[in-house]
N, C-alpha and C. Protein backbone atom coordinates (compact mmCIF):
# COMPACT_ATOMS: atom_id res chain seq x y z
N MET A 1 30.84 10.18 28.76
CA MET A 1 29.62 10.35 28.46
C MET A 1 28.79 9.13 29.18
N ASN A 2 27.12 9.37 29.00
CA ASN A 2 26.42 8.36 29.50
C ASN A 2 26.09 7.14 28.46
N GLU A 3 26.58 5.97 28.56
CA GLU A 3 26.22 4.70 27.72
C GLU A 3 24.53 4.58 26.98
N LYS A 4 23.66 4.58 27.76
CA LYS A 4 22.91 4.55 27.67
C LYS A 4 21.99 6.01 26.89
N LEU A 5 22.66 6.74 27.15
CA LEU A 5 22.31 8.14 26.00
C LEU A 5 22.83 7.85 24.70
N LEU A 6 24.08 7.72 24.49
CA LEU A 6 24.91 7.07 23.35
C LEU A 6 23.93 5.97 23.09
N SER A 7 23.73 5.22 23.31
CA SER A 7 23.14 3.64 22.55
C SER A 7 21.47 4.40 22.12
N GLY A 8 21.31 5.22 22.39
CA GLY A 8 19.94 5.44 22.52
C GLY A 8 20.08 6.41 21.03
N GLY A 9 20.38 7.52 21.01
CA GLY A 9 21.01 7.94 19.74
C GLY A 9 21.28 7.18 18.56
N PHE A 10 21.92 5.98 18.91
CA PHE A 10 22.39 5.02 17.95
C PHE A 10 21.07 4.32 17.42
N GLU A 11 20.19 4.30 18.29
CA GLU A 11 19.19 3.28 18.09
C GLU A 11 18.34 4.07 17.56
N LEU A 12 18.13 5.59 17.84
CA LEU A 12 17.55 6.26 16.66
C LEU A 12 17.91 6.28 15.36
N ARG A 13 18.97 6.77 15.02
CA ARG A 13 19.80 6.64 13.67
C ARG A 13 19.05 5.63 12.95
N LEU A 14 19.54 4.42 13.84
CA LEU A 14 19.47 2.88 12.92
C LEU A 14 17.96 2.72 12.47
N ARG A 15 16.91 3.47 13.62
CA ARG A 15 15.54 3.53 13.04
C ARG A 15 15.26 3.82 11.74
N LYS A 16 15.86 4.96 11.92
CA LYS A 16 15.37 6.49 10.90
C LYS A 16 16.42 5.91 9.69
N ALA A 17 16.97 4.64 9.54
CA ALA A 17 18.05 4.15 8.32
C ALA A 17 17.26 2.94 7.60
N VAL A 18 17.22 2.34 8.93
CA VAL A 18 15.91 1.08 8.34
C VAL A 18 14.85 1.64 7.55
N LEU A 19 13.85 2.75 7.97
CA LEU A 19 12.53 3.50 7.89
C LEU A 19 13.03 3.71 5.95
N LEU A 20 14.47 4.78 6.11
CA LEU A 20 14.25 5.11 5.23
C LEU A 20 14.84 4.00 3.71
N LEU A 21 15.49 2.50 3.88
CA LEU A 21 15.76 1.66 3.24
C LEU A 21 14.42 1.06 2.92
N PHE A 22 13.47 0.75 3.62
CA PHE A 22 12.15 -0.18 3.42
C PHE A 22 10.96 0.56 3.43
N SER A 23 11.29 1.70 3.31
CA SER A 23 9.94 3.00 3.02
C SER A 23 9.37 3.03 1.44
N PRO A 24 10.87 2.77 0.69
CA PRO A 24 9.99 2.96 -0.60
C PRO A 24 9.80 1.28 -1.24
N ALA A 25 10.63 0.81 -0.58
CA ALA A 25 10.51 -0.42 -0.96
C ALA A 25 8.98 -0.97 -0.25
N ARG A 26 8.05 -0.14 0.54
CA ARG A 26 6.80 -0.57 0.67
C ARG A 26 5.93 0.54 0.05
N SER A 27 6.50 1.04 -0.58
CA SER A 27 5.94 2.31 -1.18
C SER A 27 5.23 1.36 -2.91
N LEU A 28 6.38 1.05 -3.32
CA LEU A 28 6.41 -0.19 -4.44
C LEU A 28 5.57 -1.33 -4.11
N MET A 29 5.29 -1.49 -3.28
CA MET A 29 4.88 -2.79 -2.93
C MET A 29 3.27 -2.50 -2.89
N LEU A 30 2.88 -1.10 -2.25
CA LEU A 30 1.62 -0.63 -2.04
C LEU A 30 1.30 -0.33 -3.66
N TRP A 31 2.10 -0.06 -4.44
CA TRP A 31 1.77 0.65 -5.69
C TRP A 31 0.83 -0.22 -6.30
N ARG A 32 2.18 -1.86 -6.69
CA ARG A 32 1.93 -2.89 -7.47
C ARG A 32 0.93 -3.39 -6.90
N ARG A 33 0.57 -3.12 -5.82
CA ARG A 33 -0.98 -4.03 -5.06
C ARG A 33 -2.05 -2.84 -5.47
N ARG A 34 -2.23 -1.58 -5.72
CA ARG A 34 -3.38 -1.13 -6.63
C ARG A 34 -3.31 -1.31 -7.65
N ARG A 35 -2.08 -1.39 -8.58
CA ARG A 35 -2.63 -1.73 -9.86
C ARG A 35 -2.75 -3.26 -10.23
N SER A 36 -2.04 -3.60 -9.59
CA SER A 36 -3.12 -4.92 -9.64
C SER A 36 -4.70 -5.31 -9.47
N VAL A 37 -5.37 -4.44 -8.21
CA VAL A 37 -6.74 -4.34 -8.12
C VAL A 37 -6.82 -3.14 -9.36
N GLU A 38 -6.84 -2.61 -9.67
CA GLU A 38 -7.13 -1.92 -10.84
C GLU A 38 -7.27 -2.48 -11.79
N ASN A 39 -5.88 -3.39 -12.53
CA ASN A 39 -6.00 -4.36 -13.37
C ASN A 39 -7.50 -5.02 -13.52
N ARG A 40 -7.23 -6.00 -12.44
CA ARG A 40 -8.41 -6.83 -12.09
C ARG A 40 -9.92 -6.14 -12.17
N LEU A 41 -10.49 -5.17 -11.53
CA LEU A 41 -11.54 -4.81 -11.40
C LEU A 41 -11.63 -3.63 -13.02
N GLY A 42 -10.37 -2.98 -13.89
CA GLY A 42 -11.09 -2.90 -15.05
C GLY A 42 -11.29 -4.26 -15.69
N ALA A 43 -10.72 -5.28 -15.71
CA ALA A 43 -11.39 -6.25 -16.74
C ALA A 43 -12.70 -7.20 -16.10
N LEU A 44 -13.11 -6.70 -15.06
CA LEU A 44 -14.91 -6.86 -14.92
C LEU A 44 -15.51 -6.52 -16.23
N SER A 45 -16.67 -6.99 -16.38
CA SER A 45 -17.66 -6.14 -17.23
C SER A 45 -18.52 -5.10 -16.59
N ASP A 46 -19.03 -4.19 -16.93
CA ASP A 46 -20.00 -3.48 -16.22
C ASP A 46 -20.73 -4.07 -15.67
N HIS A 47 -21.24 -5.03 -16.32
CA HIS A 47 -22.43 -5.83 -15.54
C HIS A 47 -22.04 -6.19 -13.89
N MET A 48 -20.95 -6.67 -14.16
CA MET A 48 -20.15 -7.08 -12.66
C MET A 48 -19.72 -6.14 -11.88
N LEU A 49 -19.70 -4.91 -12.32
CA LEU A 49 -19.23 -3.53 -11.65
C LEU A 49 -20.43 -3.25 -10.86
N LYS A 50 -21.52 -3.46 -11.41
CA LYS A 50 -22.32 -2.78 -11.25
C LYS A 50 -23.14 -3.94 -9.55
N ASP A 51 -22.82 -4.93 -9.88
CA ASP A 51 -23.35 -5.59 -9.10
C ASP A 51 -22.11 -5.38 -7.58
N ILE A 52 -21.33 -5.17 -7.78
CA ILE A 52 -20.51 -4.90 -6.56
C ILE A 52 -20.69 -3.32 -6.12
N ALA A 53 -21.36 -2.55 -7.18
CA ALA A 53 -21.35 -1.16 -6.86
C ALA A 53 -20.22 -0.09 -7.17
N VAL A 54 -19.53 -0.76 -7.96
CA VAL A 54 -18.43 -0.14 -8.54
C VAL A 54 -18.23 0.84 -9.64
N SER A 55 -18.64 1.56 -10.18
CA SER A 55 -18.65 1.94 -11.15
C SER A 55 -17.15 2.32 -11.85
N ARG A 56 -17.46 2.17 -13.35
CA ARG A 56 -15.71 2.64 -13.96
C ARG A 56 -14.70 3.50 -13.81
N GLY A 57 -15.28 4.56 -13.24
CA GLY A 57 -14.85 6.09 -13.06
C GLY A 57 -14.08 5.95 -11.47
N GLU A 58 -14.55 5.02 -10.57
CA GLU A 58 -14.64 4.61 -9.30
C GLU A 58 -13.01 4.12 -9.12
N ILE A 59 -12.71 3.10 -9.92
CA ILE A 59 -12.03 1.47 -9.53
C ILE A 59 -10.74 2.56 -9.20
N PRO A 60 -9.73 3.71 -9.66
CA PRO A 60 -8.84 4.24 -9.03
C PRO A 60 -9.00 4.50 -7.29
N PHE A 61 -10.42 5.17 -7.47
CA PHE A 61 -10.52 5.35 -5.83
C PHE A 61 -10.23 3.96 -4.89
N VAL A 62 -11.78 3.06 -5.69
CA VAL A 62 -11.33 2.10 -4.95
C VAL A 62 -10.28 1.22 -4.70
N ALA A 63 -9.15 1.45 -5.76
CA ALA A 63 -7.96 0.54 -5.93
C ALA A 63 -7.11 1.31 -4.65
N SER A 64 -7.11 2.42 -4.41
CA SER A 64 -6.37 3.13 -3.87
C SER A 64 -6.60 3.65 -1.80
N ARG A 65 -7.84 2.41 -1.86
CA ARG A 65 -8.30 2.79 -0.58
C ARG A 65 -7.36 1.01 0.29
N ASP A 66 -7.35 1.53 1.25
CA ASP A 66 -6.77 0.47 2.17
C ASP A 66 -7.73 -0.41 2.26
N GLY A 67 -7.25 -2.33 2.33
CA GLY A 67 -8.98 -2.82 3.10
C GLY A 67 -8.26 -3.82 2.67
N ASP A 68 -9.34 -4.80 2.58
CA ASP A 68 -9.40 -6.21 2.04
C ASP A 68 -8.91 -6.87 0.46
N TRP A 69 -7.75 -6.73 -0.04
CA TRP A 69 -7.64 -6.22 -0.87
C TRP A 69 -7.87 -8.20 -1.68
N ASN A 70 -7.43 -8.77 -0.82
CA ASN A 70 -7.95 -10.48 -1.35
C ASN A 70 -9.36 -10.68 -1.89
N ARG A 71 -10.63 -9.59 -1.30
CA ARG A 71 -11.79 -9.80 -2.06
C ARG A 71 -12.04 -9.42 -3.55
N PHE A 72 -11.11 -8.70 -4.06
CA PHE A 72 -10.76 -8.49 -5.59
C PHE A 72 -10.67 -10.02 -6.20
N ARG A 73 -9.78 -10.89 -5.65
CA ARG A 73 -8.96 -11.68 -6.50
C ARG A 73 -9.92 -12.62 -7.19
């Protein structure tokens, strides 16, 4: 058999295995980051939230958006 064909199949299987291993870890990391942003925004007063144009009801939506998470530190 062709070695290139065999190694290509192995690389594909290895790539899939790595994705399966790291996907749950990435999901957990994103969930923890989202919860952190929700908690930080939830701790702000209504006046401070109004200053950044976010209502209490929008906090989960804002936290779920990909973006610059550090701006809420």
